[in-house]
Amino acid sequence: NLTKEEWEEKRKQVEAIKAEEQERKFKAALDRSHIPLMYQNASL
């Protein structure tokens, strides 16, 4: 029995957890790629 605001806060928490997990996986993949540190932010 949560209010609309509480449900919205729960949704944000879940999204934040998902984003953290995606960032963790991306960093792990970036490390495995062996792209040199000075080029790890290289952008198209």
All heavy atoms as atom14 arrays in JSON, in Angstrom:
{
  "sequence": "NLTKEEWEEKRKQVEAIKAEEQERKFKAALDRSHIPLMYQNASL",
  "atom14_mask": [
    [1, 1, 1, 1, 1, 1, 1, 1, 0, 0, 0, 0, 0, 0],
    [1, 1, 1, 1, 1, 1, 1, 1, 0, 0, 0, 0, 0, 0],
    [1, 1, 1, 1, 1, 1, 1, 0, 0, 0, 0, 0, 0, 0],
    [1, 1, 1, 1, 1, 1, 1, 1, 1, 0, 0, 0, 0, 0],
    [1, 1, 1, 1, 1, 1, 1, 1, 1, 0, 0, 0, 0, 0],
    [1, 1, 1, 1, 1, 1, 1, 1, 1, 0, 0, 0, 0, 0],
    [1, 1, 1, 1, 1, 1, 1, 1, 1, 1, 1, 1, 1, 1],
    [1, 1, 1, 1, 1, 1, 1, 1, 1, 0, 0, 0, 0, 0],
    [1, 1, 1, 1, 1, 1, 1, 1, 1, 0, 0, 0, 0, 0],
    [1, 1, 1, 1, 1, 1, 1, 1, 1, 0, 0, 0, 0, 0],
    [1, 1, 1, 1, 1, 1, 1, 1, 1, 1, 1, 0, 0, 0],
    [1, 1, 1, 1, 1, 1, 1, 1, 1, 0, 0, 0, 0, 0],
    [1, 1, 1, 1, 1, 1, 1, 1, 1, 0, 0, 0, 0, 0],
    [1, 1, 1, 1, 1, 1, 1, 0, 0, 0, 0, 0, 0, 0],
    [1, 1, 1, 1, 1, 1, 1, 1, 1, 0, 0, 0, 0, 0],
    [1, 1, 1, 1, 1, 0, 0, 0, 0, 0, 0, 0, 0, 0],
    [1, 1, 1, 1, 1, 1, 1, 1, 0, 0, 0, 0, 0, 0],
    [1, 1, 1, 1, 1, 1, 1, 1, 1, 0, 0, 0, 0, 0],
    [1, 1, 1, 1, 1, 0, 0, 0, 0, 0, 0, 0, 0, 0],
    [1, 1, 1, 1, 1, 1, 1, 1, 1, 0, 0, 0, 0, 0],
    [1, 1, 1, 1, 1, 1, 1, 1, 1, 0, 0, 0, 0, 0],
    [1, 1, 1, 1, 1, 1, 1, 1, 1, 0, 0, 0, 0, 0],
    [1, 1, 1, 1, 1, 1, 1, 1, 1, 0, 0, 0, 0, 0],
    [1, 1, 1, 1, 1, 1, 1, 1, 1, 1, 1, 0, 0, 0],
    [1, 1, 1, 1, 1, 1, 1, 1, 1, 0, 0, 0, 0, 0],
    [1, 1, 1, 1, 1, 1, 1, 1, 1, 1, 1, 0, 0, 0],
    [1, 1, 1, 1, 1, 1, 1, 1, 1, 0, 0, 0, 0, 0],
    [1, 1, 1, 1, 1, 0, 0, 0, 0, 0, 0, 0, 0, 0],
    [1, 1, 1, 1, 1, 0, 0, 0, 0, 0, 0, 0, 0, 0],
    [1, 1, 1, 1, 1, 1, 1, 1, 0, 0, 0, 0, 0, 0],
    [1, 1, 1, 1, 1, 1, 1, 1, 0, 0, 0, 0, 0, 0],
    [1, 1, 1, 1, 1, 1, 1, 1, 1, 1, 1, 0, 0, 0],
    [1, 1, 1, 1, 1, 1, 0, 0, 0, 0, 0, 0, 0, 0],
    [1, 1, 1, 1, 1, 1, 1, 1, 1, 1, 0, 0, 0, 0],
    [1, 1, 1, 1, 1, 1, 1, 1, 0, 0, 0, 0, 0, 0],
    [1, 1, 1, 1, 1, 1, 1, 0, 0, 0, 0, 0, 0, 0],
    [1, 1, 1, 1, 1, 1, 1, 1, 0, 0, 0, 0, 0, 0],
    [1, 1, 1, 1, 1, 1, 1, 1, 0, 0, 0, 0, 0, 0],
    [1, 1, 1, 1, 1, 1, 1, 1, 1, 1, 1, 1, 0, 0],
    [1, 1, 1, 1, 1, 1, 1, 1, 1, 0, 0, 0, 0, 0],
    [1, 1, 1, 1, 1, 1, 1, 1, 0, 0, 0, 0, 0, 0],
    [1, 1, 1, 1, 1, 0, 0, 0, 0, 0, 0, 0, 0, 0],
    [1, 1, 1, 1, 1, 1, 0, 0, 0, 0, 0, 0, 0, 0],
    [1, 1, 1, 1, 1, 1, 1, 1, 0, 0, 0, 0, 0, 0]
  ],
  "atom14_positions": [
    [[0.85, -1.2, 0.0], [0.0, 0.0, 0.0], [0.89, 1.25, 0.0], [1.16, 1.84, 1.05], [-0.92, -0.02, 1.22], [-1.94, 1.11, 1.17], [-2.22, 1.64, 0.09], [-2.46, 1.48, 2.32], [0.0, 0.0, 0.0], [0.0, 0.0, 0.0], [0.0, 0.0, 0.0], [0.0, 0.0, 0.0], [0.0, 0.0, 0.0], [0.0, 0.0, 0.0]],
    [[1.35, 1.6, -1.21], [2.25, 2.74, -1.32], [1.57, 3.87, -2.07], [0.7, 3.66, -2.92], [3.53, 2.34, -2.08], [4.36, 1.2, -1.46], [5.52, 0.88, -2.38], [4.85, 1.58, -0.07], [0.0, 0.0, 0.0], [0.0, 0.0, 0.0], [0.0, 0.0, 0.0], [0.0, 0.0, 0.0], [0.0, 0.0, 0.0], [0.0, 0.0, 0.0]],
    [[2.02, 5.06, -1.77], [1.5, 6.22, -2.49], [2.14, 6.28, -3.88], [3.12, 5.6, -4.16], [1.81, 7.51, -1.74], [3.24, 7.7, -1.71], [1.28, 7.47, -0.31], [0.0, 0.0, 0.0], [0.0, 0.0, 0.0], [0.0, 0.0, 0.0], [0.0, 0.0, 0.0], [0.0, 0.0, 0.0], [0.0, 0.0, 0.0], [0.0, 0.0, 0.0]],
    [[1.61, 7.12, -4.73], [2.15, 7.29, -6.08], [3.6, 7.76, -6.0], [4.45, 7.31, -6.78], [1.31, 8.32, -6.83], [1.74, 8.53, -8.27], [0.84, 9.53, -8.96], [1.28, 9.74, -10.4], [0.4, 10.72, -11.1], [0.0, 0.0, 0.0], [0.0, 0.0, 0.0], [0.0, 0.0, 0.0], [0.0, 0.0, 0.0], [0.0, 0.0, 0.0]],
    [[3.88, 8.64, -5.08], [5.24, 9.16, -4.91], [6.19, 8.06, -4.45], [7.35, 8.0, -4.89], [5.26, 10.31, -3.9], [4.6, 11.59, -4.36], [3.09, 11.51, -4.35], [2.54, 10.55, -3.71], [2.44, 12.36, -4.98], [0.0, 0.0, 0.0], [0.0, 0.0, 0.0], [0.0, 0.0, 0.0], [0.0, 0.0, 0.0], [0.0, 0.0, 0.0]],
    [[5.72, 7.18, -3.58], [6.55, 6.09, -3.07], [6.84, 5.08, -4.19], [7.95, 4.55, -4.29], [5.87, 5.4, -1.88], [5.87, 6.26, -0.62], [5.02, 5.67, 0.49], [4.04, 4.96, 0.18], [5.33, 5.92, 1.67], [0.0, 0.0, 0.0], [0.0, 0.0, 0.0], [0.0, 0.0, 0.0], [0.0, 0.0, 0.0], [0.0, 0.0, 0.0]],
    [[5.83, 4.81, -5.03], [6.04, 3.91, -6.16], [7.07, 4.5, -7.13], [7.92, 3.78, -7.67], [4.73, 3.67, -6.92], [3.87, 2.59, -6.32], [2.65, 2.72, -5.75], [4.21, 1.19, -6.23], [2.18, 1.5, -5.31], [3.12, 0.55, -5.59], [5.31, 0.44, -6.62], [3.12, -0.82, -5.34], [5.3, -0.92, -6.37], [4.22, -1.55, -5.74]],
    [[7.0, 5.8, -7.33], [7.94, 6.46, -8.22], [9.35, 6.37, -7.66], [10.32, 6.16, -8.41], [7.55, 7.93, -8.41], [8.48, 8.74, -9.3], [8.55, 8.23, -10.72], [7.65, 7.49, -11.14], [9.52, 8.59, -11.43], [0.0, 0.0, 0.0], [0.0, 0.0, 0.0], [0.0, 0.0, 0.0], [0.0, 0.0, 0.0], [0.0, 0.0, 0.0]],
    [[9.49, 6.5, -6.36], [10.79, 6.39, -5.71], [11.34, 4.97, -5.85], [12.53, 4.78, -6.11], [10.67, 6.76, -4.23], [12.0, 6.74, -3.46], [13.01, 7.74, -4.0], [12.6, 8.77, -4.57], [14.22, 7.47, -3.85], [0.0, 0.0, 0.0], [0.0, 0.0, 0.0], [0.0, 0.0, 0.0], [0.0, 0.0, 0.0], [0.0, 0.0, 0.0]],
    [[10.46, 3.97, -5.7], [10.87, 2.58, -5.87], [11.36, 2.33, -7.3], [12.37, 1.66, -7.53], [9.71, 1.64, -5.57], [9.33, 1.53, -4.1], [10.36, 0.7, -3.35], [9.93, 0.48, -1.91], [10.96, -0.27, -1.14], [0.0, 0.0, 0.0], [0.0, 0.0, 0.0], [0.0, 0.0, 0.0], [0.0, 0.0, 0.0], [0.0, 0.0, 0.0]],
    [[10.63, 2.9, -8.27], [11.01, 2.73, -9.67], [12.38, 3.33, -9.94], [13.22, 2.73, -10.62], [9.97, 3.4, -10.58], [10.21, 3.19, -12.08], [9.33, 4.09, -12.92], [9.69, 5.48, -12.75], [10.74, 6.05, -13.35], [11.55, 5.33, -14.12], [11.01, 7.32, -13.16], [0.0, 0.0, 0.0], [0.0, 0.0, 0.0], [0.0, 0.0, 0.0]],
    [[12.63, 4.5, -9.38], [13.92, 5.16, -9.55], [15.05, 4.33, -8.94], [16.15, 4.25, -9.49], [13.89, 6.55, -8.93], [13.04, 7.56, -9.68], [13.09, 8.92, -9.01], [12.25, 9.94, -9.77], [12.28, 11.27, -9.11], [0.0, 0.0, 0.0], [0.0, 0.0, 0.0], [0.0, 0.0, 0.0], [0.0, 0.0, 0.0], [0.0, 0.0, 0.0]],
    [[14.78, 3.72, -7.79], [15.78, 2.89, -7.14], [16.15, 1.68, -8.0], [17.32, 1.33, -8.14], [15.28, 2.43, -5.78], [15.18, 3.55, -4.74], [14.57, 3.09, -3.44], [14.21, 1.92, -3.28], [14.43, 4.0, -2.48], [0.0, 0.0, 0.0], [0.0, 0.0, 0.0], [0.0, 0.0, 0.0], [0.0, 0.0, 0.0], [0.0, 0.0, 0.0]],
    [[15.11, 1.05, -8.58], [15.34, -0.11, -9.45], [16.14, 0.31, -10.69], [17.07, -0.38, -11.1], [14.0, -0.74, -9.87], [14.23, -1.8, -10.96], [13.31, -1.37, -8.68], [0.0, 0.0, 0.0], [0.0, 0.0, 0.0], [0.0, 0.0, 0.0], [0.0, 0.0, 0.0], [0.0, 0.0, 0.0], [0.0, 0.0, 0.0], [0.0, 0.0, 0.0]],
    [[15.78, 1.45, -11.29], [16.49, 1.94, -12.47], [17.94, 2.27, -12.14], [18.85, 2.03, -12.95], [15.79, 3.19, -13.03], [14.43, 2.91, -13.66], [14.52, 1.96, -14.83], [15.48, 2.07, -15.61], [13.64, 1.11, -14.95], [0.0, 0.0, 0.0], [0.0, 0.0, 0.0], [0.0, 0.0, 0.0], [0.0, 0.0, 0.0], [0.0, 0.0, 0.0]],
    [[18.16, 2.81, -10.94], [19.52, 3.14, -10.52], [20.38, 1.88, -10.36], [21.55, 1.85, -10.76], [19.5, 3.92, -9.21], [0.0, 0.0, 0.0], [0.0, 0.0, 0.0], [0.0, 0.0, 0.0], [0.0, 0.0, 0.0], [0.0, 0.0, 0.0], [0.0, 0.0, 0.0], [0.0, 0.0, 0.0], [0.0, 0.0, 0.0], [0.0, 0.0, 0.0]],
    [[19.77, 0.83, -9.82], [20.48, -0.44, -9.65], [20.83, -1.03, -11.01], [21.94, -1.52, -11.23], [19.62, -1.43, -8.84], [19.49, -0.94, -7.38], [20.23, -2.83, -8.87], [18.52, -1.74, -6.55], [0.0, 0.0, 0.0], [0.0, 0.0, 0.0], [0.0, 0.0, 0.0], [0.0, 0.0, 0.0], [0.0, 0.0, 0.0], [0.0, 0.0, 0.0]],
    [[19.88, -0.96, -11.94], [20.12, -1.47, -13.3], [21.24, -0.69, -13.97], [22.1, -1.27, -14.64], [18.84, -1.37, -14.13], [17.76, -2.38, -13.75], [16.56, -2.22, -14.68], [15.48, -3.23, -14.35], [14.28, -3.06, -15.24], [0.0, 0.0, 0.0], [0.0, 0.0, 0.0], [0.0, 0.0, 0.0], [0.0, 0.0, 0.0], [0.0, 0.0, 0.0]],
    [[21.23, 0.64, -13.82], [22.24, 1.49, -14.44], [23.62, 1.18, -13.86], [24.62, 1.14, -14.6], [21.9, 2.96, -14.22], [0.0, 0.0, 0.0], [0.0, 0.0, 0.0], [0.0, 0.0, 0.0], [0.0, 0.0, 0.0], [0.0, 0.0, 0.0], [0.0, 0.0, 0.0], [0.0, 0.0, 0.0], [0.0, 0.0, 0.0], [0.0, 0.0, 0.0]],
    [[23.71, 0.97, -12.55], [24.97, 0.62, -11.91], [25.52, -0.71, -12.43], [26.72, -0.85, -12.67], [24.8, 0.56, -10.39], [24.61, 1.92, -9.73], [24.38, 1.81, -8.24], [24.45, 0.66, -7.72], [24.14, 2.84, -7.59], [0.0, 0.0, 0.0], [0.0, 0.0, 0.0], [0.0, 0.0, 0.0], [0.0, 0.0, 0.0], [0.0, 0.0, 0.0]],
    [[24.61, -1.67, -12.62], [25.02, -2.98, -13.12], [25.51, -2.88, -14.56], [26.52, -3.5, -14.94], [23.85, -3.97, -13.03], [24.15, -5.37, -13.54], [25.24, -6.08, -12.77], [25.61, -5.62, -11.67], [25.73, -7.11, -13.26], [0.0, 0.0, 0.0], [0.0, 0.0, 0.0], [0.0, 0.0, 0.0], [0.0, 0.0, 0.0], [0.0, 0.0, 0.0]],
    [[24.82, -2.09, -15.38], [25.25, -1.89, -16.76], [26.61, -1.2, -16.82], [27.46, -1.56, -17.64], [24.2, -1.05, -17.52], [22.91, -1.8, -17.79], [21.87, -0.94, -18.47], [22.01, 0.28, -18.56], [20.8, -1.55, -18.94], [0.0, 0.0, 0.0], [0.0, 0.0, 0.0], [0.0, 0.0, 0.0], [0.0, 0.0, 0.0], [0.0, 0.0, 0.0]],
    [[26.82, -0.22, -15.94], [28.1, 0.49, -15.9], [29.22, -0.45, -15.46], [30.33, -0.4, -15.99], [27.99, 1.67, -14.93], [29.26, 2.5, -14.81], [29.62, 3.24, -16.09], [28.76, 3.35, -16.98], [30.77, 3.71, -16.19], [0.0, 0.0, 0.0], [0.0, 0.0, 0.0], [0.0, 0.0, 0.0], [0.0, 0.0, 0.0], [0.0, 0.0, 0.0]],
    [[28.92, -1.32, -14.5], [29.92, -2.28, -14.03], [30.32, -3.23, -15.16], [31.5, -3.5, -15.38], [29.36, -3.09, -12.86], [30.36, -4.05, -12.22], [29.68, -5.0, -11.27], [28.79, -5.91, -11.96], [29.19, -6.98, -12.65], [30.48, -7.26, -12.75], [28.31, -7.76, -13.23], [0.0, 0.0, 0.0], [0.0, 0.0, 0.0], [0.0, 0.0, 0.0]],
    [[29.33, -3.73, -15.9], [29.6, -4.64, -17.01], [30.38, -3.94, -18.11], [31.28, -4.52, -18.72], [28.29, -5.21, -17.56], [27.6, -6.19, -16.64], [26.32, -6.73, -17.27], [25.66, -7.75, -16.36], [24.4, -8.29, -16.95], [0.0, 0.0, 0.0], [0.0, 0.0, 0.0], [0.0, 0.0, 0.0], [0.0, 0.0, 0.0], [0.0, 0.0, 0.0]],
    [[30.03, -2.65, -18.37], [30.73, -1.9, -19.41], [32.2, -1.7, -19.03], [33.1, -1.9, -19.86], [30.07, -0.55, -19.64], [30.78, 0.31, -20.64], [30.58, 0.12, -22.0], [31.67, 1.3, -20.24], [31.25, 0.89, -22.94], [32.35, 2.07, -21.17], [32.13, 1.87, -22.53], [0.0, 0.0, 0.0], [0.0, 0.0, 0.0], [0.0, 0.0, 0.0]],
    [[32.47, -1.33, -17.78], [33.84, -1.11, -17.34], [34.65, -2.39, -17.4], [35.84, -2.38, -17.75], [33.85, -0.53, -15.92], [33.4, 0.93, -15.85], [33.48, 1.46, -14.43], [33.1, 2.93, -14.38], [33.15, 3.49, -13.01], [0.0, 0.0, 0.0], [0.0, 0.0, 0.0], [0.0, 0.0, 0.0], [0.0, 0.0, 0.0], [0.0, 0.0, 0.0]],
    [[34.01, -3.52, -17.05], [34.71, -4.8, -17.11], [35.07, -5.14, -18.56], [36.17, -5.6, -18.86], [33.83, -5.91, -16.52], [0.0, 0.0, 0.0], [0.0, 0.0, 0.0], [0.0, 0.0, 0.0], [0.0, 0.0, 0.0], [0.0, 0.0, 0.0], [0.0, 0.0, 0.0], [0.0, 0.0, 0.0], [0.0, 0.0, 0.0], [0.0, 0.0, 0.0]],
    [[34.12, -4.88, -19.47], [34.38, -5.14, -20.9], [35.45, -4.2, -21.43], [36.27, -4.58, -22.27], [33.08, -4.99, -21.69], [0.0, 0.0, 0.0], [0.0, 0.0, 0.0], [0.0, 0.0, 0.0], [0.0, 0.0, 0.0], [0.0, 0.0, 0.0], [0.0, 0.0, 0.0], [0.0, 0.0, 0.0], [0.0, 0.0, 0.0], [0.0, 0.0, 0.0]],
    [[35.45, -2.96, -20.94], [36.45, -1.98, -21.37], [37.84, -2.41, -20.92], [38.82, -2.29, -21.67], [36.1, -0.6, -20.81], [36.94, 0.59, -21.28], [36.8, 0.76, -22.8], [36.5, 1.87, -20.56], [0.0, 0.0, 0.0], [0.0, 0.0, 0.0], [0.0, 0.0, 0.0], [0.0, 0.0, 0.0], [0.0, 0.0, 0.0], [0.0, 0.0, 0.0]],
    [[37.94, -2.92, -19.7], [39.22, -3.43, -19.2], [39.71, -4.6, -20.05], [40.9, -4.69, -20.38], [39.09, -3.88, -17.74], [38.99, -2.71, -16.78], [39.36, -1.59, -17.16], [38.52, -2.92, -15.64], [0.0, 0.0, 0.0], [0.0, 0.0, 0.0], [0.0, 0.0, 0.0], [0.0, 0.0, 0.0], [0.0, 0.0, 0.0], [0.0, 0.0, 0.0]],
    [[38.8, -5.49, -20.41], [39.18, -6.67, -21.21], [39.61, -6.27, -22.62], [40.38, -6.99, -23.25], [38.0, -7.66, -21.3], [37.7, -8.39, -20.0], [36.77, -9.56, -20.24], [35.48, -9.15, -20.77], [34.44, -8.8, -20.05], [34.52, -8.82, -18.71], [33.3, -8.46, -20.61], [0.0, 0.0, 0.0], [0.0, 0.0, 0.0], [0.0, 0.0, 0.0]],
    [[39.13, -5.12, -23.1], [39.47, -4.69, -24.46], [40.93, -4.26, -24.59], [41.47, -4.21, -25.69], [38.56, -3.52, -24.88], [38.96, -2.31, -24.25], [0.0, 0.0, 0.0], [0.0, 0.0, 0.0], [0.0, 0.0, 0.0], [0.0, 0.0, 0.0], [0.0, 0.0, 0.0], [0.0, 0.0, 0.0], [0.0, 0.0, 0.0], [0.0, 0.0, 0.0]],
    [[41.55, -3.89, -23.45], [42.94, -3.41, -23.42], [43.12, -2.1, -24.19], [44.25, -1.78, -24.6], [43.91, -4.47, -23.95], [44.23, -5.52, -22.94], [45.47, -6.09, -22.8], [43.45, -6.12, -22.0], [45.46, -6.98, -21.83], [44.23, -7.01, -21.33], [0.0, 0.0, 0.0], [0.0, 0.0, 0.0], [0.0, 0.0, 0.0], [0.0, 0.0, 0.0]],
    [[42.05, -1.33, -24.36], [42.2, 0.0, -24.92], [43.02, 0.83, -23.93], [42.7, 0.86, -22.74], [40.83, 0.67, -25.15], [40.03, -0.1, -26.21], [40.99, 2.13, -25.58], [38.62, 0.42, -26.42], [0.0, 0.0, 0.0], [0.0, 0.0, 0.0], [0.0, 0.0, 0.0], [0.0, 0.0, 0.0], [0.0, 0.0, 0.0], [0.0, 0.0, 0.0]],
    [[44.1, 1.48, -24.38], [44.93, 2.26, -23.45], [44.11, 3.31, -22.71], [43.14, 3.86, -23.24], [45.96, 2.93, -24.38], [46.04, 2.03, -25.56], [44.64, 1.5, -25.75], [0.0, 0.0, 0.0], [0.0, 0.0, 0.0], [0.0, 0.0, 0.0], [0.0, 0.0, 0.0], [0.0, 0.0, 0.0], [0.0, 0.0, 0.0], [0.0, 0.0, 0.0]],
    [[44.51, 3.58, -21.47], [43.76, 4.49, -20.6], [43.51, 5.85, -21.25], [42.41, 6.41, -21.14], [44.52, 4.67, -19.28], [43.79, 5.47, -18.18], [42.48, 4.79, -17.81], [44.69, 5.61, -16.95], [0.0, 0.0, 0.0], [0.0, 0.0, 0.0], [0.0, 0.0, 0.0], [0.0, 0.0, 0.0], [0.0, 0.0, 0.0], [0.0, 0.0, 0.0]],
    [[44.51, 6.38, -21.95], [44.36, 7.71, -22.53], [43.34, 7.75, -23.67], [42.92, 8.83, -24.09], [45.71, 8.25, -23.01], [46.27, 7.58, -24.23], [47.87, 8.32, -24.73], [47.37, 9.99, -25.13], [0.0, 0.0, 0.0], [0.0, 0.0, 0.0], [0.0, 0.0, 0.0], [0.0, 0.0, 0.0], [0.0, 0.0, 0.0], [0.0, 0.0, 0.0]],
    [[42.94, 6.56, -24.17], [41.96, 6.51, -25.26], [40.64, 5.89, -24.83], [39.76, 5.67, -25.67], [42.53, 5.71, -26.44], [43.75, 6.34, -27.06], [44.99, 5.71, -26.97], [43.67, 7.55, -27.73], [46.12, 6.28, -27.55], [44.8, 8.13, -28.3], [46.01, 7.49, -28.21], [47.12, 8.06, -28.77], [0.0, 0.0, 0.0], [0.0, 0.0, 0.0]],
    [[40.48, 5.63, -23.55], [39.26, 4.94, -23.11], [38.01, 5.81, -23.19], [36.89, 5.29, -23.1], [39.44, 4.39, -21.7], [40.35, 3.18, -21.65], [40.39, 2.51, -20.3], [39.73, 2.92, -19.35], [41.18, 1.44, -20.2], [0.0, 0.0, 0.0], [0.0, 0.0, 0.0], [0.0, 0.0, 0.0], [0.0, 0.0, 0.0], [0.0, 0.0, 0.0]],
    [[38.19, 7.11, -23.35], [37.04, 8.0, -23.55], [36.94, 8.49, -24.99], [36.18, 9.43, -25.28], [37.12, 9.2, -22.6], [36.9, 8.8, -21.15], [36.04, 7.98, -20.84], [37.68, 9.37, -20.24], [0.0, 0.0, 0.0], [0.0, 0.0, 0.0], [0.0, 0.0, 0.0], [0.0, 0.0, 0.0], [0.0, 0.0, 0.0], [0.0, 0.0, 0.0]],
    [[37.69, 7.87, -25.89], [37.66, 8.27, -27.3], [36.24, 8.17, -27.84], [35.54, 7.18, -27.6], [38.6, 7.4, -28.12], [0.0, 0.0, 0.0], [0.0, 0.0, 0.0], [0.0, 0.0, 0.0], [0.0, 0.0, 0.0], [0.0, 0.0, 0.0], [0.0, 0.0, 0.0], [0.0, 0.0, 0.0], [0.0, 0.0, 0.0], [0.0, 0.0, 0.0]],
    [[35.81, 9.18, -28.56], [34.43, 9.24, -29.05], [34.4, 9.46, -30.55], [35.18, 10.25, -31.1], [33.66, 10.36, -28.35], [32.4, 10.57, -28.95], [0.0, 0.0, 0.0], [0.0, 0.0, 0.0], [0.0, 0.0, 0.0], [0.0, 0.0, 0.0], [0.0, 0.0, 0.0], [0.0, 0.0, 0.0], [0.0, 0.0, 0.0], [0.0, 0.0, 0.0]],
    [[33.46, 8.8, -31.21], [33.27, 8.98, -32.65], [32.84, 10.41, -32.97], [33.01, 10.87, -34.11], [32.23, 7.99, -33.17], [32.66, 6.52, -33.2], [31.46, 5.63, -33.52], [33.77, 6.31, -34.21], [0.0, 0.0, 0.0], [0.0, 0.0, 0.0], [0.0, 0.0, 0.0], [0.0, 0.0, 0.0], [0.0, 0.0, 0.0], [0.0, 0.0, 0.0]]
  ]
}
